[in-house]
Amino acid sequence: DYIGGSESSTTFLGSLDSKKEGFGFIRVDGSGQDLFCPCHEAKDDLWEAIQEGDRLSFRIGFSFNGPVCCDVEAS
């Protein structure tokens, strides 16, 4: 499930704080919270192209380990 529900989920903005080979952390605008982002949540070939500091839009979903960035796109 996503914040705002599946039908009308909320889109968030932030910047890529750190990037590793298969995951990264996105700093959410307004809260300053860093959220986990697995590389498979980046749309198309975005993961290879983005660098730390790049602006992104995403939805926040939930896993057993807590909130996670989903449907990540360049903004």
C-alpha atoms as a PDB file:
ATOM      1  CA  ASP A   1       0.000   0.000   0.000  1.00  0.00           C
ATOM      2  CA  TYR A   2       1.046   3.597  -0.570  1.00  0.00           C
ATOM      3  CA  ILE A   3       0.530   6.798   1.386  1.00  0.00           C
ATOM      4  CA  GLY A   4      -2.783   8.109   0.068  1.00  0.00           C
ATOM      5  CA  GLY A   5      -3.929   4.623  -1.022  1.00  0.00           C
ATOM      6  CA  SER A   6      -3.493   2.734  -4.266  1.00  0.00           C
ATOM      7  CA  GLU A   7      -6.021   4.768  -6.251  1.00  0.00           C
ATOM      8  CA  SER A   8      -4.905   8.294  -5.306  1.00  0.00           C
ATOM      9  CA  SER A   9      -1.425   7.935  -3.858  1.00  0.00           C
ATOM     10  CA  THR A  10       0.581  10.999  -2.874  1.00  0.00           C
ATOM     11  CA  THR A  11       3.655  11.918  -4.922  1.00  0.00           C
ATOM     12  CA  PHE A  12       6.646  13.144  -2.927  1.00  0.00           C
ATOM     13  CA  LEU A  13       9.745  15.060  -3.986  1.00  0.00           C
ATOM     14  CA  GLY A  14      13.297  14.693  -2.761  1.00  0.00           C
ATOM     15  CA  SER A  15      16.916  14.258  -3.742  1.00  0.00           C
ATOM     16  CA  LEU A  16      19.163  11.240  -3.951  1.00  0.00           C
ATOM     17  CA  ASP A  17      21.236  11.371  -0.770  1.00  0.00           C
ATOM     18  CA  SER A  18      23.396   8.301  -1.366  1.00  0.00           C
ATOM     19  CA  LYS A  19      23.619   5.594  -4.038  1.00  0.00           C
ATOM     20  CA  LYS A  20      25.099   2.112  -3.849  1.00  0.00           C
ATOM     21  CA  GLU A  21      25.084  -0.665  -6.445  1.00  0.00           C
ATOM     22  CA  GLY A  22      21.596  -2.035  -5.739  1.00  0.00           C
ATOM     23  CA  PHE A  23      19.985   0.570  -3.500  1.00  0.00           C
ATOM     24  CA  GLY A  24      20.105   4.138  -2.297  1.00  0.00           C
ATOM     25  CA  PHE A  25      18.522   6.616   0.074  1.00  0.00           C
ATOM     26  CA  ILE A  26      16.328   9.534  -0.951  1.00  0.00           C
ATOM     27  CA  ARG A  27      16.016  12.577   1.337  1.00  0.00           C
ATOM     28  CA  VAL A  28      12.349  13.614   1.420  1.00  0.00           C
ATOM     29  CA  ASP A  29      11.666  17.348   0.974  1.00  0.00           C
ATOM     30  CA  GLY A  30      10.186  18.972   4.055  1.00  0.00           C
ATOM     31  CA  SER A  31      10.877  16.188   6.539  1.00  0.00           C
ATOM     32  CA  GLY A  32      14.595  15.639   5.912  1.00  0.00           C
ATOM     33  CA  GLN A  33      13.984  11.916   6.407  1.00  0.00           C
ATOM     34  CA  ASP A  34      16.108   9.495   4.363  1.00  0.00           C
ATOM     35  CA  LEU A  35      14.081   6.634   2.889  1.00  0.00           C
ATOM     36  CA  PHE A  36      15.392   3.368   1.469  1.00  0.00           C
ATOM     37  CA  CYS A  37      15.113   3.018  -2.301  1.00  0.00           C
ATOM     38  CA  PRO A  38      15.831  -0.335  -3.985  1.00  0.00           C
ATOM     39  CA  CYS A  39      17.182   0.072  -7.520  1.00  0.00           C
ATOM     40  CA  HIS A  40      14.302  -1.902  -9.076  1.00  0.00           C
ATOM     41  CA  GLU A  41      11.859   0.867  -8.042  1.00  0.00           C
ATOM     42  CA  ALA A  42      13.491   3.350 -10.469  1.00  0.00           C
ATOM     43  CA  LYS A  43      11.533   3.537 -13.724  1.00  0.00           C
ATOM     44  CA  ASP A  44      13.121   2.591 -17.059  1.00  0.00           C
ATOM     45  CA  ASP A  45      16.944   2.863 -16.931  1.00  0.00           C
ATOM     46  CA  LEU A  46      16.916   5.731 -14.451  1.00  0.00           C
ATOM     47  CA  TRP A  47      19.032   3.987 -11.803  1.00  0.00           C
ATOM     48  CA  GLU A  48      22.116   3.940 -14.021  1.00  0.00           C
ATOM     49  CA  ALA A  49      21.701   7.615 -14.961  1.00  0.00           C
ATOM     50  CA  ILE A  50      21.011   9.286 -11.613  1.00  0.00           C
ATOM     51  CA  GLN A  51      23.698  10.655  -9.333  1.00  0.00           C
ATOM     52  CA  GLU A  52      23.745  11.842  -5.736  1.00  0.00           C
ATOM     53  CA  GLY A  53      21.964  15.178  -5.434  1.00  0.00           C
ATOM     54  CA  ASP A  54      19.589  14.579  -8.375  1.00  0.00           C
ATOM     55  CA  ARG A  55      15.957  15.599  -7.849  1.00  0.00           C
ATOM     56  CA  LEU A  56      13.392  12.787  -7.874  1.00  0.00           C
ATOM     57  CA  SER A  57       9.661  12.230  -7.495  1.00  0.00           C
ATOM     58  CA  PHE A  58       8.321   9.046  -5.908  1.00  0.00           C
ATOM     59  CA  ARG A  59       5.571   7.417  -3.901  1.00  0.00           C
ATOM     60  CA  ILE A  60       6.080   6.016  -0.418  1.00  0.00           C
ATOM     61  CA  GLY A  61       5.085   2.405   0.137  1.00  0.00           C
ATOM     62  CA  PHE A  62       5.550   0.088   3.075  1.00  0.00           C
ATOM     63  CA  SER A  63       7.520  -3.119   3.495  1.00  0.00           C
ATOM     64  CA  PHE A  64       8.009  -5.306   6.545  1.00  0.00           C
ATOM     65  CA  ASN A  65      11.079  -3.192   7.355  1.00  0.00           C
ATOM     66  CA  GLY A  66       9.297   0.172   7.133  1.00  0.00           C
ATOM     67  CA  PRO A  67       8.700   2.874   4.507  1.00  0.00           C
ATOM     68  CA  VAL A  68      10.328   2.535   1.098  1.00  0.00           C
ATOM     69  CA  CYS A  69      10.437   4.705  -2.053  1.00  0.00           C
ATOM     70  CA  CYS A  70       8.428   3.345  -4.987  1.00  0.00           C
ATOM     71  CA  ASP A  71       7.889   4.344  -8.642  1.00  0.00           C
ATOM     72  CA  VAL A  72      10.921   6.639  -8.638  1.00  0.00           C
ATOM     73  CA  GLU A  73      11.191   9.127 -11.540  1.00  0.00           C
ATOM     74  CA  ALA A  74      13.370  12.124 -12.350  1.00  0.00           C
ATOM     75  CA  SER A  75      11.655  15.395 -11.496  1.00  0.00           C
END
